[in-house]
Amino acid sequence: MFQILHFEKPIPFMRFAKSGMVFSALLTMLALFCLFDRGLNWGLDFTGGTTIEVGFQQSVSLDKMHAALDEQKIEGATLQFFGSSRDVLVRMAPQEGVKVEQQGNEVLAAAKLIDESAVLKRVEFVGPAVGEELRDQGGLGMLLALGGILIYVAFRFQWKFGFGAIVSLIHDVIVTLGVFSFFQIPF
């Protein structure tokens, strides 16, 4: 038989079963506490905001763009390349009393500090209604996927093994969301 690793004596995995279950239960409780206490840090896709695309003649680094935005006192912007390293997509949360066009002009002024030939390609407002639809459709997709897995496991395995598999899937989802909540990673 083909073996990648060959051990002389068996590895006692079950020796760590109780401590692993306690650690897993504590981790799950911590994740649920963080979810209920802090909640998720919903990104601009869910909360709405301004999307600004800036084009440059030459490639530009996102670090330089961040520095230029900081110099113009524009905070909370999320940057990413859009298609190539010459196009930068800037996402910003909506601000009280500031129009979308004004945000676009501020970002363009910051971009002109890097390259005078920078152009504003588009400025759009993304409303939170799109985010609500994304959240609802994502939650429905997750529930349908878990339901499909439940049906498969019910037919394929004995009930006690299937129950353990489903509990572990739910555990993984809760812990992952807990990590997002604890570190306030934009979701």
Foldseek 3Di string as FASTA:
>chain_A
DDDPDDDPDDDCPVVCVVVVVVVLVVLLVLLVCLCVPQNALADCQQAKFKKWKKFAPDFDDVVLLVVLCVVLVNPDWDWDADPDSRMIIITHHDDPPADQVNVRVSSVVSVCVVPVPMDTDDMDITHNVSNVVVVVVVVVVVVVVLVVLLVVLPVPDDPVVSVVVSVVVVSVVSSVSSVSSVVNPHD
